[in-house]
Amino acid sequence: MFKILRTFINFVLGVIELLLMFRLIFTFFVVNKGAPFVAWLYNITAPLVAPFSNILPNWKFSGFVVDFATVAAIIVFAIAGSLLLMLIPYPRTVVVTEAVPTATV
């Protein structure tokens, strides 16, 4: 049961981190927000980045943009995922290395 739960949490957090990384890369290279995939990606990740967007500004230089709100979201989700996984114990397996001798009469 715990193994399935840990795998599910790892999968969900991996997908979230991947989507946020794509958003960070697309923001950095100032990709056209009108493209269907980019618009979908920004709409999906907007609620994940929203808590940080008013706190941390974007940094613009030489035509590139660093979105610190997305960076903060990546870091916070990674830490929250690690803490959540620490609460769930690893599945234990018992390994028998030697057979126990039985008494013969």
PDB file of N, CA and C in Angstrom:
ATOM      1  N   MET A   1       0.819  -1.193   0.000  1.00  0.00           N
ATOM      2  CA  MET A   1       0.000   0.000   0.000  1.00  0.00           C
ATOM      3  C   MET A   1       0.866   1.261   0.000  1.00  0.00           C
ATOM      4  N   PHE A   2       1.877   1.278   0.895  1.00  0.00           N
ATOM      5  CA  PHE A   2       2.745   2.450   0.973  1.00  0.00           C
ATOM      6  C   PHE A   2       3.580   2.615  -0.282  1.00  0.00           C
ATOM      7  N   LYS A   3       3.953   1.495  -0.888  1.00  0.00           N
ATOM      8  CA  LYS A   3       4.755   1.563  -2.105  1.00  0.00           C
ATOM      9  C   LYS A   3       3.953   2.226  -3.239  1.00  0.00           C
ATOM     10  N   ILE A   4       2.693   1.878  -3.352  1.00  0.00           N
ATOM     11  CA  ILE A   4       1.834   2.479  -4.382  1.00  0.00           C
ATOM     12  C   ILE A   4       1.648   3.965  -4.106  1.00  0.00           C
ATOM     13  N   LEU A   5       1.443   4.317  -2.854  1.00  0.00           N
ATOM     14  CA  LEU A   5       1.256   5.716  -2.479  1.00  0.00           C
ATOM     15  C   LEU A   5       2.519   6.535  -2.755  1.00  0.00           C
ATOM     16  N   ARG A   6       3.678   5.986  -2.396  1.00  0.00           N
ATOM     17  CA  ARG A   6       4.940   6.682  -2.655  1.00  0.00           C
ATOM     18  C   ARG A   6       5.173   6.847  -4.150  1.00  0.00           C
ATOM     19  N   THR A   7       4.864   5.822  -4.921  1.00  0.00           N
ATOM     20  CA  THR A   7       5.033   5.898  -6.370  1.00  0.00           C
ATOM     21  C   THR A   7       4.107   6.947  -6.962  1.00  0.00           C
ATOM     22  N   PHE A   8       2.873   6.994  -6.504  1.00  0.00           N
ATOM     23  CA  PHE A   8       1.910   7.983  -6.989  1.00  0.00           C
ATOM     24  C   PHE A   8       2.369   9.403  -6.674  1.00  0.00           C
ATOM     25  N   ILE A   9       2.823   9.626  -5.448  1.00  0.00           N
ATOM     26  CA  ILE A   9       3.296  10.954  -5.057  1.00  0.00           C
ATOM     27  C   ILE A   9       4.513  11.348  -5.886  1.00  0.00           C
ATOM     28  N   ASN A  10       5.443  10.421  -6.074  1.00  0.00           N
ATOM     29  CA  ASN A  10       6.614  10.701  -6.900  1.00  0.00           C
ATOM     30  C   ASN A  10       6.215  11.046  -8.330  1.00  0.00           C
ATOM     31  N   PHE A  11       5.250  10.333  -8.873  1.00  0.00           N
ATOM     32  CA  PHE A  11       4.804  10.579 -10.248  1.00  0.00           C
ATOM     33  C   PHE A  11       4.167  11.962 -10.372  1.00  0.00           C
ATOM     34  N   VAL A  12       3.256  12.280  -9.453  1.00  0.00           N
ATOM     35  CA  VAL A  12       2.566  13.574  -9.513  1.00  0.00           C
ATOM     36  C   VAL A  12       3.561  14.724  -9.351  1.00  0.00           C
ATOM     37  N   LEU A  13       4.455  14.612  -8.389  1.00  0.00           N
ATOM     38  CA  LEU A  13       5.449  15.667  -8.193  1.00  0.00           C
ATOM     39  C   LEU A  13       6.410  15.759  -9.373  1.00  0.00           C
ATOM     40  N   GLY A  14       6.741  14.642  -9.979  1.00  0.00           N
ATOM     41  CA  GLY A  14       7.591  14.661 -11.167  1.00  0.00           C
ATOM     42  C   GLY A  14       6.935  15.380 -12.326  1.00  0.00           C
ATOM     43  N   VAL A  15       5.643  15.141 -12.525  1.00  0.00           N
ATOM     44  CA  VAL A  15       4.913  15.827 -13.598  1.00  0.00           C
ATOM     45  C   VAL A  15       4.835  17.328 -13.314  1.00  0.00           C
ATOM     46  N   ILE A  16       4.560  17.689 -12.068  1.00  0.00           N
ATOM     47  CA  ILE A  16       4.498  19.110 -11.698  1.00  0.00           C
ATOM     48  C   ILE A  16       5.846  19.778 -11.929  1.00  0.00           C
ATOM     49  N   GLU A  17       6.918  19.141 -11.486  1.00  0.00           N
ATOM     50  CA  GLU A  17       8.254  19.704 -11.677  1.00  0.00           C
ATOM     51  C   GLU A  17       8.598  19.825 -13.157  1.00  0.00           C
ATOM     52  N   LEU A  18       8.217  18.838 -13.952  1.00  0.00           N
ATOM     53  CA  LEU A  18       8.488  18.886 -15.390  1.00  0.00           C
ATOM     54  C   LEU A  18       7.742  20.037 -16.054  1.00  0.00           C
ATOM     55  N   LEU A  19       6.472  20.197 -15.722  1.00  0.00           N
ATOM     56  CA  LEU A  19       5.690  21.300 -16.288  1.00  0.00           C
ATOM     57  C   LEU A  19       6.256  22.654 -15.880  1.00  0.00           C
ATOM     58  N   LEU A  20       6.673  22.779 -14.625  1.00  0.00           N
ATOM     59  CA  LEU A  20       7.259  24.039 -14.173  1.00  0.00           C
ATOM     60  C   LEU A  20       8.605  24.315 -14.844  1.00  0.00           C
ATOM     61  N   MET A  21       9.369  23.268 -15.101  1.00  0.00           N
ATOM     62  CA  MET A  21      10.639  23.455 -15.812  1.00  0.00           C
ATOM     63  C   MET A  21      10.399  23.915 -17.240  1.00  0.00           C
ATOM     64  N   PHE A  22       9.410  23.333 -17.912  1.00  0.00           N
ATOM     65  CA  PHE A  22       9.064  23.794 -19.257  1.00  0.00           C
ATOM     66  C   PHE A  22       8.640  25.259 -19.225  1.00  0.00           C
ATOM     67  N   ARG A  23       7.850  25.623 -18.231  1.00  0.00           N
ATOM     68  CA  ARG A  23       7.417  27.017 -18.114  1.00  0.00           C
ATOM     69  C   ARG A  23       8.616  27.932 -17.915  1.00  0.00           C
ATOM     70  N   LEU A  24       9.557  27.524 -17.084  1.00  0.00           N
ATOM     71  CA  LEU A  24      10.757  28.323 -16.842  1.00  0.00           C
ATOM     72  C   LEU A  24      11.573  28.495 -18.122  1.00  0.00           C
ATOM     73  N   ILE A  25      11.740  27.426 -18.866  1.00  0.00           N
ATOM     74  CA  ILE A  25      12.502  27.495 -20.117  1.00  0.00           C
ATOM     75  C   ILE A  25      11.785  28.361 -21.142  1.00  0.00           C
ATOM     76  N   PHE A  26      10.484  28.183 -21.274  1.00  0.00           N
ATOM     77  CA  PHE A  26       9.724  28.981 -22.245  1.00  0.00           C
ATOM     78  C   PHE A  26       9.711  30.454 -21.861  1.00  0.00           C
ATOM     79  N   THR A  27       9.636  30.750 -20.580  1.00  0.00           N
ATOM     80  CA  THR A  27       9.681  32.143 -20.138  1.00  0.00           C
ATOM     81  C   THR A  27      11.064  32.736 -20.379  1.00  0.00           C
ATOM     82  N   PHE A  28      12.101  31.943 -20.139  1.00  0.00           N
ATOM     83  CA  PHE A  28      13.467  32.428 -20.317  1.00  0.00           C
ATOM     84  C   PHE A  28      13.728  32.829 -21.764  1.00  0.00           C
ATOM     85  N   PHE A  29      13.275  32.001 -22.689  1.00  0.00           N
ATOM     86  CA  PHE A  29      13.510  32.281 -24.104  1.00  0.00           C
ATOM     87  C   PHE A  29      12.404  33.127 -24.734  1.00  0.00           C
ATOM     88  N   VAL A  30      11.469  33.645 -23.939  1.00  0.00           N
ATOM     89  CA  VAL A  30      10.378  34.509 -24.382  1.00  0.00           C
ATOM     90  C   VAL A  30       9.660  33.890 -25.588  1.00  0.00           C
ATOM     91  N   VAL A  31       9.129  32.706 -25.358  1.00  0.00           N
ATOM     92  CA  VAL A  31       8.407  31.968 -26.394  1.00  0.00           C
ATOM     93  C   VAL A  31       7.038  32.613 -26.608  1.00  0.00           C
ATOM     94  N   ASN A  32       6.511  32.505 -27.814  1.00  0.00           N
ATOM     95  CA  ASN A  32       5.208  33.069 -28.161  1.00  0.00           C
ATOM     96  C   ASN A  32       4.123  32.433 -27.297  1.00  0.00           C
ATOM     97  N   LYS A  33       3.446  33.233 -26.492  1.00  0.00           N
ATOM     98  CA  LYS A  33       2.404  32.721 -25.603  1.00  0.00           C
ATOM     99  C   LYS A  33       1.128  32.376 -26.356  1.00  0.00           C
ATOM    100  N   GLY A  34       1.046  32.748 -27.621  1.00  0.00           N
ATOM    101  CA  GLY A  34      -0.126  32.437 -28.423  1.00  0.00           C
ATOM    102  C   GLY A  34      -0.095  31.037 -29.013  1.00  0.00           C
ATOM    103  N   ALA A  35       1.056  30.358 -28.957  1.00  0.00           N
ATOM    104  CA  ALA A  35       1.140  28.981 -29.452  1.00  0.00           C
ATOM    105  C   ALA A  35       0.279  28.083 -28.571  1.00  0.00           C
ATOM    106  N   PRO A  36      -0.435  27.127 -29.159  1.00  0.00           N
ATOM    107  CA  PRO A  36      -1.379  26.310 -28.376  1.00  0.00           C
ATOM    108  C   PRO A  36      -0.740  25.573 -27.195  1.00  0.00           C
ATOM    109  N   PHE A  37       0.408  24.933 -27.421  1.00  0.00           N
ATOM    110  CA  PHE A  37       1.030  24.185 -26.322  1.00  0.00           C
ATOM    111  C   PHE A  37       1.510  25.121 -25.223  1.00  0.00           C
ATOM    112  N   VAL A  38       2.100  26.235 -25.597  1.00  0.00           N
ATOM    113  CA  VAL A  38       2.606  27.189 -24.607  1.00  0.00           C
ATOM    114  C   VAL A  38       1.446  27.802 -23.824  1.00  0.00           C
ATOM    115  N   ALA A  39       0.355  28.142 -24.509  1.00  0.00           N
ATOM    116  CA  ALA A  39      -0.817  28.687 -23.825  1.00  0.00           C
ATOM    117  C   ALA A  39      -1.394  27.664 -22.848  1.00  0.00           C
ATOM    118  N   TRP A  40      -1.470  26.403 -23.285  1.00  0.00           N
ATOM    119  CA  TRP A  40      -1.961  25.338 -22.396  1.00  0.00           C
ATOM    120  C   TRP A  40      -1.044  25.188 -21.183  1.00  0.00           C
ATOM    121  N   LEU A  41       0.260  25.193 -21.425  1.00  0.00           N
ATOM    122  CA  LEU A  41       1.224  25.041 -20.338  1.00  0.00           C
ATOM    123  C   LEU A  41       1.116  26.186 -19.337  1.00  0.00           C
ATOM    124  N   TYR A  42       0.995  27.413 -19.831  1.00  0.00           N
ATOM    125  CA  TYR A  42       0.885  28.560 -18.936  1.00  0.00           C
ATOM    126  C   TYR A  42      -0.430  28.511 -18.146  1.00  0.00           C
ATOM    127  N   ASN A  43      -1.518  28.061 -18.775  1.00  0.00           N
ATOM    128  CA  ASN A  43      -2.800  27.950 -18.068  1.00  0.00           C
ATOM    129  C   ASN A  43      -2.769  26.872 -16.997  1.00  0.00           C
ATOM    130  N   ILE A  44      -2.094  25.751 -17.283  1.00  0.00           N
ATOM    131  CA  ILE A  44      -2.008  24.654 -16.317  1.00  0.00           C
ATOM    132  C   ILE A  44      -1.134  25.038 -15.120  1.00  0.00           C
ATOM    133  N   THR A  45      -0.013  25.710 -15.384  1.00  0.00           N
ATOM    134  CA  THR A  45       0.930  26.015 -14.302  1.00  0.00           C
ATOM    135  C   THR A  45       0.655  27.341 -13.603  1.00  0.00           C
ATOM    136  N   ALA A  46      -0.273  28.132 -14.116  1.00  0.00           N
ATOM    137  CA  ALA A  46      -0.562  29.434 -13.492  1.00  0.00           C
ATOM    138  C   ALA A  46      -0.974  29.309 -12.022  1.00  0.00           C
ATOM    139  N   PRO A  47      -1.860  28.362 -11.642  1.00  0.00           N
ATOM    140  CA  PRO A  47      -2.208  28.250 -10.218  1.00  0.00           C
ATOM    141  C   PRO A  47      -1.038  27.805  -9.339  1.00  0.00           C
ATOM    142  N   LEU A  48      -0.073  27.100  -9.918  1.00  0.00           N
ATOM    143  CA  LEU A  48       1.078  26.650  -9.136  1.00  0.00           C
ATOM    144  C   LEU A  48       2.064  27.788  -8.871  1.00  0.00           C
ATOM    145  N   VAL A  49       2.112  28.743  -9.790  1.00  0.00           N
ATOM    146  CA  VAL A  49       3.063  29.851  -9.686  1.00  0.00           C
ATOM    147  C   VAL A  49       2.422  31.076  -9.043  1.00  0.00           C
ATOM    148  N   ALA A  50       1.099  31.143  -9.027  1.00  0.00           N
ATOM    149  CA  ALA A  50       0.379  32.333  -8.558  1.00  0.00           C
ATOM    150  C   ALA A  50       0.771  32.798  -7.146  1.00  0.00           C
ATOM    151  N   PRO A  51       0.972  31.908  -6.169  1.00  0.00           N
ATOM    152  CA  PRO A  51       1.329  32.411  -4.837  1.00  0.00           C
ATOM    153  C   PRO A  51       2.649  33.181  -4.799  1.00  0.00           C
ATOM    154  N   PHE A  52       3.520  32.933  -5.768  1.00  0.00           N
ATOM    155  CA  PHE A  52       4.841  33.561  -5.763  1.00  0.00           C
ATOM    156  C   PHE A  52       4.961  34.727  -6.749  1.00  0.00           C
ATOM    157  N   SER A  53       3.976  34.888  -7.623  1.00  0.00           N
ATOM    158  CA  SER A  53       4.110  35.855  -8.709  1.00  0.00           C
ATOM    159  C   SER A  53       4.116  37.308  -8.231  1.00  0.00           C
ATOM    160  N   ASN A  54       3.403  37.616  -7.172  1.00  0.00           N
ATOM    161  CA  ASN A  54       3.390  38.991  -6.672  1.00  0.00           C
ATOM    162  C   ASN A  54       4.558  39.276  -5.726  1.00  0.00           C
ATOM    163  N   ILE A  55       5.195  38.249  -5.252  1.00  0.00           N
ATOM    164  CA  ILE A  55       6.300  38.421  -4.304  1.00  0.00           C
ATOM    165  C   ILE A  55       7.623  38.621  -5.031  1.00  0.00           C
ATOM    166  N   LEU A  56       7.867  37.795  -6.048  1.00  0.00           N
ATOM    167  CA  LEU A  56       9.147  37.810  -6.741  1.00  0.00           C
ATOM    168  C   LEU A  56       8.996  38.371  -8.153  1.00  0.00           C
ATOM    169  N   PRO A  57       9.794  39.364  -8.494  1.00  0.00           N
ATOM    170  CA  PRO A  57       9.677  39.961  -9.837  1.00  0.00           C
ATOM    171  C   PRO A  57      10.436  39.148 -10.886  1.00  0.00           C
ATOM    172  N   ASN A  58      10.140  39.414 -12.144  1.00  0.00           N
ATOM    173  CA  ASN A  58      10.907  38.835 -13.241  1.00  0.00           C
ATOM    174  C   ASN A  58      12.166  39.663 -13.440  1.00  0.00           C
ATOM    175  N   TRP A  59      13.221  38.998 -13.884  1.00  0.00           N
ATOM    176  CA  TRP A  59      14.481  39.675 -14.133  1.00  0.00           C
ATOM    177  C   TRP A  59      14.741  39.625 -15.622  1.00  0.00           C
ATOM    178  N   LYS A  60      14.826  40.766 -16.276  1.00  0.00           N
ATOM    179  CA  LYS A  60      14.991  40.828 -17.719  1.00  0.00           C
ATOM    180  C   LYS A  60      16.399  41.307 -18.052  1.00  0.00           C
ATOM    181  N   PHE A  61      17.034  40.600 -18.992  1.00  0.00           N
ATOM    182  CA  PHE A  61      18.344  41.026 -19.462  1.00  0.00           C
ATOM    183  C   PHE A  61      18.579  40.497 -20.874  1.00  0.00           C
ATOM    184  N   SER A  62      19.036  41.347 -21.733  1.00  0.00           N
ATOM    185  CA  SER A  62      19.417  40.999 -23.118  1.00  0.00           C
ATOM    186  C   SER A  62      18.371  40.175 -23.854  1.00  0.00           C
ATOM    187  N   GLY A  63      17.124  40.475 -23.699  1.00  0.00           N
ATOM    188  CA  GLY A  63      16.077  39.752 -24.400  1.00  0.00           C
ATOM    189  C   GLY A  63      15.645  38.459 -23.735  1.00  0.00           C
ATOM    190  N   PHE A  64      16.231  38.115 -22.612  1.00  0.00           N
ATOM    191  CA  PHE A  64      15.855  36.914 -21.862  1.00  0.00           C
ATOM    192  C   PHE A  64      15.160  37.334 -20.576  1.00  0.00           C
ATOM    193  N   VAL A  65      14.335  36.433 -20.040  1.00  0.00           N
ATOM    194  CA  VAL A  65      13.601  36.723 -18.812  1.00  0.00           C
ATOM    195  C   VAL A  65      13.765  35.555 -17.844  1.00  0.00           C
ATOM    196  N   VAL A  66      14.137  35.863 -16.611  1.00  0.00           N
ATOM    197  CA  VAL A  66      14.194  34.839 -15.565  1.00  0.00           C
ATOM    198  C   VAL A  66      12.988  35.067 -14.667  1.00  0.00           C
ATOM    199  N   ASP A  67      12.119  34.075 -14.612  1.00  0.00           N
ATOM    200  CA  ASP A  67      10.896  34.161 -13.816  1.00  0.00           C
ATOM    201  C   ASP A  67      11.167  33.542 -12.442  1.00  0.00           C
ATOM    202  N   PHE A  68      11.453  34.410 -11.474  1.00  0.00           N
ATOM    203  CA  PHE A  68      11.792  33.915 -10.141  1.00  0.00           C
ATOM    204  C   PHE A  68      10.596  33.289  -9.425  1.00  0.00           C
ATOM    205  N   ALA A  69       9.392  33.632  -9.825  1.00  0.00           N
ATOM    206  CA  ALA A  69       8.211  32.993  -9.239  1.00  0.00           C
ATOM    207  C   ALA A  69       8.183  31.513  -9.601  1.00  0.00           C
ATOM    208  N   THR A  70       8.537  31.181 -10.832  1.00  0.00           N
ATOM    209  CA  THR A  70       8.583  29.782 -11.248  1.00  0.00           C
ATOM    210  C   THR A  70       9.726  29.046 -10.554  1.00  0.00           C
ATOM    211  N   VAL A  71      10.863  29.695 -10.410  1.00  0.00           N
ATOM    212  CA  VAL A  71      11.992  29.091  -9.697  1.00  0.00           C
ATOM    213  C   VAL A  71      11.597  28.794  -8.250  1.00  0.00           C
ATOM    214  N   ALA A  72      10.937  29.753  -7.606  1.00  0.00           N
ATOM    215  CA  ALA A  72      10.489  29.548  -6.225  1.00  0.00           C
ATOM    216  C   ALA A  72       9.479  28.410  -6.141  1.00  0.00           C
ATOM    217  N   ALA A  73       8.567  28.325  -7.115  1.00  0.00           N
ATOM    218  CA  ALA A  73       7.574  27.244  -7.119  1.00  0.00           C
ATOM    219  C   ALA A  73       8.255  25.885  -7.275  1.00  0.00           C
ATOM    220  N   ILE A  74       9.254  25.805  -8.134  1.00  0.00           N
ATOM    221  CA  ILE A  74       9.993  24.547  -8.313  1.00  0.00           C
ATOM    222  C   ILE A  74      10.651  24.129  -7.004  1.00  0.00           C
ATOM    223  N   ILE A  75      11.286  25.068  -6.345  1.00  0.00           N
ATOM    224  CA  ILE A  75      11.972  24.762  -5.081  1.00  0.00           C
ATOM    225  C   ILE A  75      10.976  24.362  -3.995  1.00  0.00           C
ATOM    226  N   VAL A  76       9.879  25.102  -3.871  1.00  0.00           N
ATOM    227  CA  VAL A  76       8.893  24.809  -2.826  1.00  0.00           C
ATOM    228  C   VAL A  76       8.227  23.459  -3.061  1.00  0.00           C
ATOM    229  N   PHE A  77       7.874  23.147  -4.316  1.00  0.00           N
ATOM    230  CA  PHE A  77       7.253  21.849  -4.583  1.00  0.00           C
ATOM    231  C   PHE A  77       8.231  20.705  -4.367  1.00  0.00           C
ATOM    232  N   ALA A  78       9.494  20.905  -4.662  1.00  0.00           N
ATOM    233  CA  ALA A  78      10.490  19.860  -4.416  1.00  0.00           C
ATOM    234  C   ALA A  78      10.646  19.602  -2.922  1.00  0.00           C
ATOM    235  N   ILE A  79      10.718  20.666  -2.140  1.00  0.00           N
ATOM    236  CA  ILE A  79      10.862  20.512  -0.680  1.00  0.00           C
ATOM    237  C   ILE A  79       9.595  19.908  -0.081  1.00  0.00           C
ATOM    238  N   ALA A  80       8.430  20.394  -0.512  1.00  0.00           N
ATOM    239  CA  ALA A  80       7.169  19.860   0.016  1.00  0.00           C
ATOM    240  C   ALA A  80       7.010  18.383  -0.342  1.00  0.00           C
ATOM    241  N   GLY A  81       7.396  18.015  -1.545  1.00  0.00           N
ATOM    242  CA  GLY A  81       7.316  16.609  -1.949  1.00  0.00           C
ATOM    243  C   GLY A  81       8.248  15.737  -1.136  1.00  0.00           C
ATOM    244  N   SER A  82       9.459  16.223  -0.887  1.00  0.00           N
ATOM    245  CA  SER A  82      10.401  15.455  -0.074  1.00  0.00           C
ATOM    246  C   SER A  82       9.895  15.284   1.353  1.00  0.00           C
ATOM    247  N   LEU A  83       9.342  16.361   1.914  1.00  0.00           N
ATOM    248  CA  LEU A  83       8.798  16.258   3.269  1.00  0.00           C
ATOM    249  C   LEU A  83       7.602  15.322   3.327  1.00  0.00           C
ATOM    250  N   LEU A  84       6.768  15.360   2.312  1.00  0.00           N
ATOM    251  CA  LEU A  84       5.618  14.462   2.266  1.00  0.00           C
ATOM    252  C   LEU A  84       6.070  13.005   2.170  1.00  0.00           C
ATOM    253  N   LEU A  85       7.083  12.755   1.366  1.00  0.00           N
ATOM    254  CA  LEU A  85       7.577  11.382   1.235  1.00  0.00           C
ATOM    255  C   LEU A  85       8.266  10.903   2.509  1.00  0.00           C
ATOM    256  N   MET A  86       8.808  11.830   3.303  1.00  0.00           N
ATOM    257  CA  MET A  86       9.414  11.433   4.583  1.00  0.00           C
ATOM    258  C   MET A  86       8.365  10.939   5.571  1.00  0.00           C
ATOM    259  N   LEU A  87       7.123  11.391   5.431  1.00  0.00           N
ATOM    260  CA  LEU A  87       6.059  10.970   6.339  1.00  0.00           C
ATOM    261  C   LEU A  87       5.574   9.551   6.053  1.00  0.00           C
ATOM    262  N   ILE A  88       5.808   9.084   4.835  1.00  0.00           N
ATOM    263  CA  ILE A  88       5.323   7.765   4.441  1.00  0.00           C
ATOM    264  C   ILE A  88       6.483   6.779   4.539  1.00  0.00           C
ATOM    265  N   PRO A  89       6.332   5.742   5.341  1.00  0.00           N
ATOM    266  CA  PRO A  89       7.452   4.801   5.512  1.00  0.00           C
ATOM    267  C   PRO A  89       7.713   3.990   4.248  1.00  0.00           C
ATOM    268  N   TYR A  90       8.961   3.582   4.112  1.00  0.00           N
ATOM    269  CA  TYR A  90       9.328   2.692   3.013  1.00  0.00           C
ATOM    270  C   TYR A  90       8.712   1.319   3.260  1.00  0.00           C
ATOM    271  N   PRO A  91       8.327   0.633   2.199  1.00  0.00           N
ATOM    272  CA  PRO A  91       7.834  -0.734   2.398  1.00  0.00           C
ATOM    273  C   PRO A  91       8.983  -1.639   2.847  1.00  0.00           C
ATOM    274  N   ARG A  92       8.697  -2.445   3.824  1.00  0.00           N
ATOM    275  CA  ARG A  92       9.742  -3.328   4.360  1.00  0.00           C
ATOM    276  C   ARG A  92       9.633  -4.703   3.731  1.00  0.00           C
ATOM    277  N   THR A  93      10.772  -5.235   3.385  1.00  0.00           N
ATOM    278  CA  THR A  93      10.825  -6.595   2.872  1.00  0.00           C
ATOM    279  C   THR A  93      11.740  -7.410   3.775  1.00  0.00           C
ATOM    280  N   VAL A  94      11.351  -8.616   4.020  1.00  0.00           N
ATOM    281  CA  VAL A  94      12.140  -9.501   4.861  1.00  0.00           C
ATOM    282  C   VAL A  94      12.889 -10.454   3.940  1.00  0.00           C
ATOM    283  N   VAL A  95      14.210 -10.477   4.107  1.00  0.00           N
ATOM    284  CA  VAL A  95      15.045 -11.333   3.286  1.00  0.00           C
ATOM    285  C   VAL A  95      15.623 -12.426   4.171  1.00  0.00           C
ATOM    286  N   VAL A  96      15.375 -13.666   3.805  1.00  0.00           N
ATOM    287  CA  VAL A  96      15.911 -14.803   4.549  1.00  0.00           C
ATOM    288  C   VAL A  96      17.176 -15.242   3.845  1.00  0.00           C
ATOM    289  N   THR A  97      18.305 -15.173   4.575  1.00  0.00           N
ATOM    290  CA  THR A  97      19.577 -15.542   3.962  1.00  0.00           C
ATOM    291  C   THR A  97      19.969 -16.986   4.247  1.00  0.00           C
ATOM    292  N   GLU A  98      19.515 -17.527   5.362  1.00  0.00           N
ATOM    293  CA  GLU A  98      19.829 -18.908   5.702  1.00  0.00           C
ATOM    294  C   GLU A  98      18.567 -19.613   6.169  1.00  0.00           C
ATOM    295  N   ALA A  99      18.497 -20.858   5.867  1.00  0.00           N
ATOM    296  CA  ALA A  99      17.373 -21.655   6.346  1.00  0.00           C
ATOM    297  C   ALA A  99      17.630 -22.011   7.813  1.00  0.00           C
ATOM    298  N   VAL A 100      16.597 -21.957   8.599  1.00  0.00           N
ATOM    299  CA  VAL A 100      16.719 -22.293  10.013  1.00  0.00           C
ATOM    300  C   VAL A 100      16.671 -23.812  10.132  1.00  0.00           C
ATOM    301  N   PRO A 101      17.688 -24.400  10.792  1.00  0.00           N
ATOM    302  CA  PRO A 101      17.681 -25.865  10.920  1.00  0.00           C
ATOM    303  C   PRO A 101      16.531 -26.322  11.828  1.00  0.00           C
ATOM    304  N   THR A 102      15.906 -27.391  11.435  1.00  0.00           N
ATOM    305  CA  THR A 102      14.818 -27.940  12.243  1.00  0.00           C
ATOM    306  C   THR A 102      15.343 -29.114  13.041  1.00  0.00           C
ATOM    307  N   ALA A 103      14.764 -29.316  14.201  1.00  0.00           N
ATOM    308  CA  ALA A 103      15.183 -30.427  15.062  1.00  0.00           C
ATOM    309  C   ALA A 103      14.582 -31.720  14.532  1.00  0.00           C
ATOM    310  N   THR A 104      15.445 -32.723  14.405  1.00  0.00           N
ATOM    311  CA  THR A 104      14.965 -34.031  13.955  1.00  0.00           C
ATOM    312  C   THR A 104      15.023 -34.974  15.129  1.00  0.00           C
ATOM    313  N   VAL A 105      14.032 -35.811  15.255  1.00  0.00           N
ATOM    314  CA  VAL A 105      13.966 -36.747  16.395  1.00  0.00           C
ATOM    315  C   VAL A 105      14.163 -38.154  15.925  1.00  0.00           C
TER     316      VAL A 105
END
